[in-house]
Amino acid sequence: MRITVFGAAGNSGSRVVAEALSRGHEVTAVVRDAARFPALHPGATHRTGDAKNPSKVRELSADQDVVVNATRPSPGHEADHPAISRSLLAGLAGTGVRLLVIGGAGSLTVPGTEGVLAIDDTRYIPTAWRAIASASTAQYDAVRTTDTDVDWTYLSPAALFEPGVRTGEFRLFKDELPVAADGTSSISMEDLAVALLDEAESPTHSRTRFAVGY
């Protein structure tokens, strides 16, 4: 399978690249600045490109099977999140290339709360995280409401989404926040990469969202 990863030098993107390469896929790792090439996996093809540019998205997705959006806006640029989603959908329109988006947990419902969103529950989304959580919610809205022929999947991590270890053991959810028996909500970036590549290889969430956590 041929996979292009936007945001390939980031925490989650680099783990997606590594997981895809470990499974024998051909990976194009995309960053905005060539100065970041040394941070990319040497087994990937290194390219520059801005996911906010639909023409560049189309160029970098040519002859690919899957495009992964692993971009994450820096503080103060949260509005880029939904804008990038719309750009990717525009660039992939009519190509037949699938889009897998690594999103956020804010729009998931908290179990046992009669529909309270994670973004409104400070047990899971502290005030300090609210800006990026809100941007991720807007990102999800942009993906699910855009009239497009692109076959997309939106993957929401559990509330605590950090570098960790690859266990290969996790649970899949739909629109509910993954919460463990001890009340925590977490997933390592390594295990999210496993879940994402599982979806790339065996699609089961076409044009919908799913979540992953322990």
C-alpha atoms as a PDB file:
ATOM      1  CA  MET A   1       0.000   0.000   0.000  1.00  0.00           C
ATOM      2  CA  ARG A   2       1.187   3.536  -0.776  1.00  0.00           C
ATOM      3  CA  ILE A   3       0.582   6.001   2.048  1.00  0.00           C
ATOM      4  CA  THR A   4       1.212   9.740   2.282  1.00  0.00           C
ATOM      5  CA  VAL A   5       1.435  11.227   5.774  1.00  0.00           C
ATOM      6  CA  PHE A   6       1.025  14.974   6.303  1.00  0.00           C
ATOM      7  CA  GLY A   7       2.566  16.147   9.572  1.00  0.00           C
ATOM      8  CA  ALA A   8       5.061  13.288   9.393  1.00  0.00           C
ATOM      9  CA  ALA A   9       7.623  14.855  11.732  1.00  0.00           C
ATOM     10  CA  GLY A  10       5.151  15.369  14.563  1.00  0.00           C
ATOM     11  CA  ASN A  11       4.622  13.105  17.540  1.00  0.00           C
ATOM     12  CA  SER A  12       1.698  11.157  16.112  1.00  0.00           C
ATOM     13  CA  GLY A  13       2.757  11.444  12.463  1.00  0.00           C
ATOM     14  CA  SER A  14       6.213  10.016  13.067  1.00  0.00           C
ATOM     15  CA  ARG A  15       4.671   7.014  14.793  1.00  0.00           C
ATOM     16  CA  VAL A  16       2.255   6.454  11.924  1.00  0.00           C
ATOM     17  CA  VAL A  17       5.172   6.528   9.491  1.00  0.00           C
ATOM     18  CA  ALA A  18       7.154   4.032  11.589  1.00  0.00           C
ATOM     19  CA  GLU A  19       4.172   1.684  11.975  1.00  0.00           C
ATOM     20  CA  ALA A  20       3.369   1.788   8.259  1.00  0.00           C
ATOM     21  CA  LEU A  21       6.962   1.073   7.278  1.00  0.00           C
ATOM     22  CA  SER A  22       7.157  -1.799   9.760  1.00  0.00           C
ATOM     23  CA  ARG A  23       4.229  -3.389   7.900  1.00  0.00           C
ATOM     24  CA  GLY A  24       5.961  -3.110   4.552  1.00  0.00           C
ATOM     25  CA  HIS A  25       4.033  -0.160   3.110  1.00  0.00           C
ATOM     26  CA  GLU A  26       5.550   2.551   0.912  1.00  0.00           C
ATOM     27  CA  VAL A  27       5.392   5.842   2.818  1.00  0.00           C
ATOM     28  CA  THR A  28       5.744   9.432   1.664  1.00  0.00           C
ATOM     29  CA  ALA A  29       6.459  11.608   4.691  1.00  0.00           C
ATOM     30  CA  VAL A  30       5.393  15.228   4.171  1.00  0.00           C
ATOM     31  CA  VAL A  31       6.528  18.279   6.140  1.00  0.00           C
ATOM     32  CA  ARG A  32       6.191  21.977   5.370  1.00  0.00           C
ATOM     33  CA  ASP A  33       9.912  22.742   5.730  1.00  0.00           C
ATOM     34  CA  ALA A  34      12.751  20.669   4.278  1.00  0.00           C
ATOM     35  CA  ALA A  35      14.804  21.599   7.343  1.00  0.00           C
ATOM     36  CA  ARG A  36      12.766  18.927   9.145  1.00  0.00           C
ATOM     37  CA  PHE A  37      13.886  16.141   6.804  1.00  0.00           C
ATOM     38  CA  PRO A  38      16.541  14.908   9.289  1.00  0.00           C
ATOM     39  CA  ALA A  39      13.744  14.235  11.796  1.00  0.00           C
ATOM     40  CA  LEU A  40      11.919  11.936   9.356  1.00  0.00           C
ATOM     41  CA  HIS A  41      12.240   8.165   9.193  1.00  0.00           C
ATOM     42  CA  PRO A  42      15.003   7.271   6.700  1.00  0.00           C
ATOM     43  CA  GLY A  43      12.834   4.537   5.206  1.00  0.00           C
ATOM     44  CA  ALA A  44      10.238   7.005   3.933  1.00  0.00           C
ATOM     45  CA  THR A  45      10.276   9.245   0.877  1.00  0.00           C
ATOM     46  CA  HIS A  46      10.670  12.823   2.093  1.00  0.00           C
ATOM     47  CA  ARG A  47       8.620  15.601   0.513  1.00  0.00           C
ATOM     48  CA  THR A  48       7.599  19.155   1.367  1.00  0.00           C
ATOM     49  CA  GLY A  49       4.055  20.403   1.129  1.00  0.00           C
ATOM     50  CA  ASP A  50       1.390  22.410   2.908  1.00  0.00           C
ATOM     51  CA  ALA A  51      -1.811  20.517   3.690  1.00  0.00           C
ATOM     52  CA  LYS A  52      -3.687  23.831   3.452  1.00  0.00           C
ATOM     53  CA  ASN A  53      -2.927  23.930  -0.280  1.00  0.00           C
ATOM     54  CA  PRO A  54      -5.404  21.664  -2.171  1.00  0.00           C
ATOM     55  CA  SER A  55      -3.225  21.671  -5.290  1.00  0.00           C
ATOM     56  CA  LYS A  56      -0.240  20.428  -3.299  1.00  0.00           C
ATOM     57  CA  VAL A  57      -2.420  17.826  -1.617  1.00  0.00           C
ATOM     58  CA  ARG A  58      -3.505  16.547  -5.024  1.00  0.00           C
ATOM     59  CA  GLU A  59       0.099  16.455  -6.250  1.00  0.00           C
ATOM     60  CA  LEU A  60       1.354  14.532  -3.212  1.00  0.00           C
ATOM     61  CA  SER A  61      -1.554  12.084  -3.282  1.00  0.00           C
ATOM     62  CA  ALA A  62      -1.054  11.078  -6.919  1.00  0.00           C
ATOM     63  CA  ASP A  63      -0.856   7.268  -7.221  1.00  0.00           C
ATOM     64  CA  GLN A  64      -1.335   6.846  -3.469  1.00  0.00           C
ATOM     65  CA  ASP A  65      -3.865   4.613  -1.738  1.00  0.00           C
ATOM     66  CA  VAL A  66      -4.235   6.490   1.534  1.00  0.00           C
ATOM     67  CA  VAL A  67      -3.510   9.972   2.842  1.00  0.00           C
ATOM     68  CA  VAL A  68      -3.124  10.458   6.597  1.00  0.00           C
ATOM     69  CA  ASN A  69      -3.664  13.828   8.244  1.00  0.00           C
ATOM     70  CA  ALA A  70      -1.460  13.864  11.343  1.00  0.00           C
ATOM     71  CA  THR A  71      -1.039  17.647  11.438  1.00  0.00           C
ATOM     72  CA  ARG A  72      -1.520  19.537  14.696  1.00  0.00           C
ATOM     73  CA  PRO A  73      -1.681  23.344  14.788  1.00  0.00           C
ATOM     74  CA  SER A  74       0.600  25.271  17.111  1.00  0.00           C
ATOM     75  CA  PRO A  75      -0.922  27.413  19.890  1.00  0.00           C
ATOM     76  CA  GLY A  76      -2.607  30.465  18.391  1.00  0.00           C
ATOM     77  CA  HIS A  77      -3.184  28.727  15.058  1.00  0.00           C
ATOM     78  CA  GLU A  78      -5.971  26.367  16.088  1.00  0.00           C
ATOM     79  CA  ALA A  79      -8.184  27.596  13.229  1.00  0.00           C
ATOM     80  CA  ASP A  80      -5.849  25.712  10.875  1.00  0.00           C
ATOM     81  CA  HIS A  81      -7.374  22.419  12.028  1.00  0.00           C
ATOM     82  CA  PRO A  82     -10.715  22.634  10.172  1.00  0.00           C
ATOM     83  CA  ALA A  83      -9.100  24.560   7.312  1.00  0.00           C
ATOM     84  CA  ILE A  84      -6.646  21.731   6.697  1.00  0.00           C
ATOM     85  CA  SER A  85      -9.464  19.186   6.690  1.00  0.00           C
ATOM     86  CA  ARG A  86     -11.363  21.129   4.050  1.00  0.00           C
ATOM     87  CA  SER A  87      -8.189  21.511   1.985  1.00  0.00           C
ATOM     88  CA  LEU A  88      -7.437  17.799   2.124  1.00  0.00           C
ATOM     89  CA  LEU A  89     -10.969  16.914   1.087  1.00  0.00           C
ATOM     90  CA  ALA A  90     -10.791  19.399  -1.786  1.00  0.00           C
ATOM     91  CA  GLY A  91      -7.400  18.110  -2.924  1.00  0.00           C
ATOM     92  CA  LEU A  92      -8.484  14.457  -2.808  1.00  0.00           C
ATOM     93  CA  ALA A  93     -11.857  14.962  -4.490  1.00  0.00           C
ATOM     94  CA  GLY A  94     -12.273  12.672  -7.452  1.00  0.00           C
ATOM     95  CA  THR A  95      -8.983  10.828  -6.880  1.00  0.00           C
ATOM     96  CA  GLY A  96     -10.273   7.705  -5.148  1.00  0.00           C
ATOM     97  CA  VAL A  97      -7.630   8.138  -2.435  1.00  0.00           C
ATOM     98  CA  ARG A  98      -8.830   7.452   1.121  1.00  0.00           C
ATOM     99  CA  LEU A  99      -8.337  10.037   3.881  1.00  0.00           C
ATOM    100  CA  LEU A 100      -7.597   9.033   7.472  1.00  0.00           C
ATOM    101  CA  VAL A 101      -7.684  11.911   9.959  1.00  0.00           C
ATOM    102  CA  ILE A 102      -6.148  11.813  13.434  1.00  0.00           C
ATOM    103  CA  GLY A 103      -8.506  14.005  15.410  1.00  0.00           C
ATOM    104  CA  GLY A 104      -9.337  14.825  18.995  1.00  0.00           C
ATOM    105  CA  ALA A 105     -11.436  13.570  21.890  1.00  0.00           C
ATOM    106  CA  GLY A 106     -13.441  16.706  22.671  1.00  0.00           C
ATOM    107  CA  SER A 107     -16.500  15.797  20.599  1.00  0.00           C
ATOM    108  CA  LEU A 108     -16.860  12.340  22.170  1.00  0.00           C
ATOM    109  CA  THR A 109     -19.570  11.791  24.776  1.00  0.00           C
ATOM    110  CA  VAL A 110     -18.541  10.889  28.315  1.00  0.00           C
ATOM    111  CA  PRO A 111     -20.027   7.548  29.391  1.00  0.00           C
ATOM    112  CA  GLY A 112     -22.635   7.698  32.131  1.00  0.00           C
ATOM    113  CA  THR A 113     -23.351  11.432  31.705  1.00  0.00           C
ATOM    114  CA  GLU A 114     -26.373  11.386  29.374  1.00  0.00           C
ATOM    115  CA  GLY A 115     -24.503  12.968  26.495  1.00  0.00           C
ATOM    116  CA  VAL A 116     -22.043  15.423  28.065  1.00  0.00           C
ATOM    117  CA  LEU A 117     -19.174  16.043  25.646  1.00  0.00           C
ATOM    118  CA  ALA A 118     -15.617  15.439  26.787  1.00  0.00           C
ATOM    119  CA  ILE A 119     -14.745  19.048  25.993  1.00  0.00           C
ATOM    120  CA  ASP A 120     -17.231  20.118  28.687  1.00  0.00           C
ATOM    121  CA  ASP A 121     -15.919  17.717  31.330  1.00  0.00           C
ATOM    122  CA  THR A 122     -12.770  19.015  33.018  1.00  0.00           C
ATOM    123  CA  ARG A 123     -11.990  15.556  34.370  1.00  0.00           C
ATOM    124  CA  TYR A 124     -10.909  14.687  30.841  1.00  0.00           C
ATOM    125  CA  ILE A 125     -10.333  17.985  29.037  1.00  0.00           C
ATOM    126  CA  PRO A 126      -8.689  20.489  31.417  1.00  0.00           C
ATOM    127  CA  THR A 127      -9.156  24.177  30.723  1.00  0.00           C
ATOM    128  CA  ALA A 128      -5.592  24.373  29.384  1.00  0.00           C
ATOM    129  CA  TRP A 129      -6.511  21.905  26.619  1.00  0.00           C
ATOM    130  CA  ARG A 130      -9.797  23.528  25.648  1.00  0.00           C
ATOM    131  CA  ALA A 131      -8.474  25.567  22.701  1.00  0.00           C
ATOM    132  CA  ILE A 132      -7.061  22.576  20.846  1.00  0.00           C
ATOM    133  CA  ALA A 133     -10.063  20.451  21.851  1.00  0.00           C
ATOM    134  CA  SER A 134     -12.402  23.057  20.383  1.00  0.00           C
ATOM    135  CA  ALA A 135     -10.303  23.171  17.212  1.00  0.00           C
ATOM    136  CA  SER A 136     -10.471  19.386  16.934  1.00  0.00           C
ATOM    137  CA  THR A 137     -14.257  19.513  17.309  1.00  0.00           C
ATOM    138  CA  ALA A 138     -14.359  22.045  14.456  1.00  0.00           C
ATOM    139  CA  GLN A 139     -12.057  19.748  12.502  1.00  0.00           C
ATOM    140  CA  TYR A 140     -14.469  16.839  12.915  1.00  0.00           C
ATOM    141  CA  ASP A 141     -17.405  19.040  11.922  1.00  0.00           C
ATOM    142  CA  ALA A 142     -15.534  20.134   8.792  1.00  0.00           C
ATOM    143  CA  VAL A 143     -14.912  16.521   7.772  1.00  0.00           C
ATOM    144  CA  ARG A 144     -18.386  15.145   8.451  1.00  0.00           C
ATOM    145  CA  THR A 145     -20.362  18.044   6.960  1.00  0.00           C
ATOM    146  CA  THR A 146     -18.393  18.577   3.757  1.00  0.00           C
ATOM    147  CA  ASP A 147     -20.204  17.322   0.665  1.00  0.00           C
ATOM    148  CA  THR A 148     -17.492  15.142  -0.846  1.00  0.00           C
ATOM    149  CA  ASP A 149     -16.877  11.874  -2.654  1.00  0.00           C
ATOM    150  CA  VAL A 150     -13.745  11.243  -0.564  1.00  0.00           C
ATOM    151  CA  ASP A 151     -13.830   8.062   1.514  1.00  0.00           C
ATOM    152  CA  TRP A 152     -12.780   9.452   4.888  1.00  0.00           C
ATOM    153  CA  THR A 153     -12.322   8.090   8.400  1.00  0.00           C
ATOM    154  CA  TYR A 154     -11.896  10.226  11.517  1.00  0.00           C
ATOM    155  CA  LEU A 155     -10.001   8.624  14.409  1.00  0.00           C
ATOM    156  CA  SER A 156     -10.418  10.125  17.882  1.00  0.00           C
ATOM    157  CA  PRO A 157      -7.874   9.221  20.555  1.00  0.00           C
ATOM    158  CA  ALA A 158      -8.750   8.905  24.232  1.00  0.00           C
ATOM    159  CA  ALA A 159      -8.432  12.104  26.275  1.00  0.00           C
ATOM    160  CA  LEU A 160      -4.793  11.569  27.286  1.00  0.00           C
ATOM    161  CA  PHE A 161      -2.874  11.058  24.059  1.00  0.00           C
ATOM    162  CA  GLU A 162       0.876  10.902  24.617  1.00  0.00           C
ATOM    163  CA  PRO A 163       4.027   9.109  23.458  1.00  0.00           C
ATOM    164  CA  GLY A 164       4.304   5.740  25.161  1.00  0.00           C
ATOM    165  CA  VAL A 165       4.696   2.114  24.207  1.00  0.00           C
ATOM    166  CA  ARG A 166       3.228  -0.091  21.505  1.00  0.00           C
ATOM    167  CA  THR A 167       1.157  -2.788  23.188  1.00  0.00           C
ATOM    168  CA  GLY A 168      -1.213  -3.652  20.358  1.00  0.00           C
ATOM    169  CA  GLU A 169      -3.931  -4.040  22.981  1.00  0.00           C
ATOM    170  CA  PHE A 170      -6.700  -1.445  23.044  1.00  0.00           C
ATOM    171  CA  ARG A 171     -10.450  -1.060  22.612  1.00  0.00           C
ATOM    172  CA  LEU A 172     -12.392   0.560  19.787  1.00  0.00           C
ATOM    173  CA  PHE A 173     -15.383   2.834  20.378  1.00  0.00           C
ATOM    174  CA  LYS A 174     -17.692   4.864  18.160  1.00  0.00           C
ATOM    175  CA  ASP A 175     -18.769   8.237  19.552  1.00  0.00           C
ATOM    176  CA  GLU A 176     -18.094   7.575  23.240  1.00  0.00           C
ATOM    177  CA  LEU A 177     -14.956   8.593  25.117  1.00  0.00           C
ATOM    178  CA  PRO A 178     -12.825   5.558  25.950  1.00  0.00           C
ATOM    179  CA  VAL A 179     -12.745   5.307  29.751  1.00  0.00           C
ATOM    180  CA  ALA A 180     -11.038   2.478  31.640  1.00  0.00           C
ATOM    181  CA  ALA A 181     -12.379   0.818  34.767  1.00  0.00           C
ATOM    182  CA  ASP A 182     -10.240   3.111  36.931  1.00  0.00           C
ATOM    183  CA  GLY A 183     -11.814   6.211  35.336  1.00  0.00           C
ATOM    184  CA  THR A 184      -8.832   7.189  33.201  1.00  0.00           C
ATOM    185  CA  SER A 185      -8.999   7.848  29.458  1.00  0.00           C
ATOM    186  CA  SER A 186      -5.740   7.278  27.589  1.00  0.00           C
ATOM    187  CA  ILE A 187      -4.013   5.811  24.550  1.00  0.00           C
ATOM    188  CA  SER A 188      -0.380   5.895  23.496  1.00  0.00           C
ATOM    189  CA  MET A 189       0.537   7.441  20.168  1.00  0.00           C
ATOM    190  CA  GLU A 190       2.134   4.134  19.245  1.00  0.00           C
ATOM    191  CA  ASP A 191      -1.083   2.189  19.772  1.00  0.00           C
ATOM    192  CA  LEU A 192      -3.165   4.783  17.955  1.00  0.00           C
ATOM    193  CA  ALA A 193      -0.826   4.284  14.994  1.00  0.00           C
ATOM    194  CA  VAL A 194      -1.565   0.555  15.186  1.00  0.00           C
ATOM    195  CA  ALA A 195      -5.316   1.212  15.152  1.00  0.00           C
ATOM    196  CA  LEU A 196      -4.969   3.626  12.245  1.00  0.00           C
ATOM    197  CA  LEU A 197      -2.916   1.211  10.127  1.00  0.00           C
ATOM    198  CA  ASP A 198      -5.362  -1.584  10.949  1.00  0.00           C
ATOM    199  CA  GLU A 199      -8.093   0.650   9.508  1.00  0.00           C
ATOM    200  CA  ALA A 200      -5.974   1.483   6.459  1.00  0.00           C
ATOM    201  CA  GLU A 201      -5.416  -2.197   5.725  1.00  0.00           C
ATOM    202  CA  SER A 202      -8.919  -3.426   6.557  1.00  0.00           C
ATOM    203  CA  PRO A 203     -11.414  -0.551   6.205  1.00  0.00           C
ATOM    204  CA  THR A 204     -14.384  -0.859   8.550  1.00  0.00           C
ATOM    205  CA  HIS A 205     -15.183   2.796   9.328  1.00  0.00           C
ATOM    206  CA  SER A 206     -15.945   4.334   5.943  1.00  0.00           C
ATOM    207  CA  ARG A 207     -17.195   7.924   6.135  1.00  0.00           C
ATOM    208  CA  THR A 208     -17.537   7.802   9.903  1.00  0.00           C
ATOM    209  CA  ARG A 209     -15.626   8.270  13.147  1.00  0.00           C
ATOM    210  CA  PHE A 210     -14.263   5.808  15.656  1.00  0.00           C
ATOM    211  CA  ALA A 211     -12.261   6.190  18.842  1.00  0.00           C
ATOM    212  CA  VAL A 212      -9.485   4.187  20.452  1.00  0.00           C
ATOM    213  CA  GLY A 213      -8.383   3.830  24.056  1.00  0.00           C
ATOM    214  CA  TYR A 214      -7.468   1.392  26.816  1.00  0.00           C
END
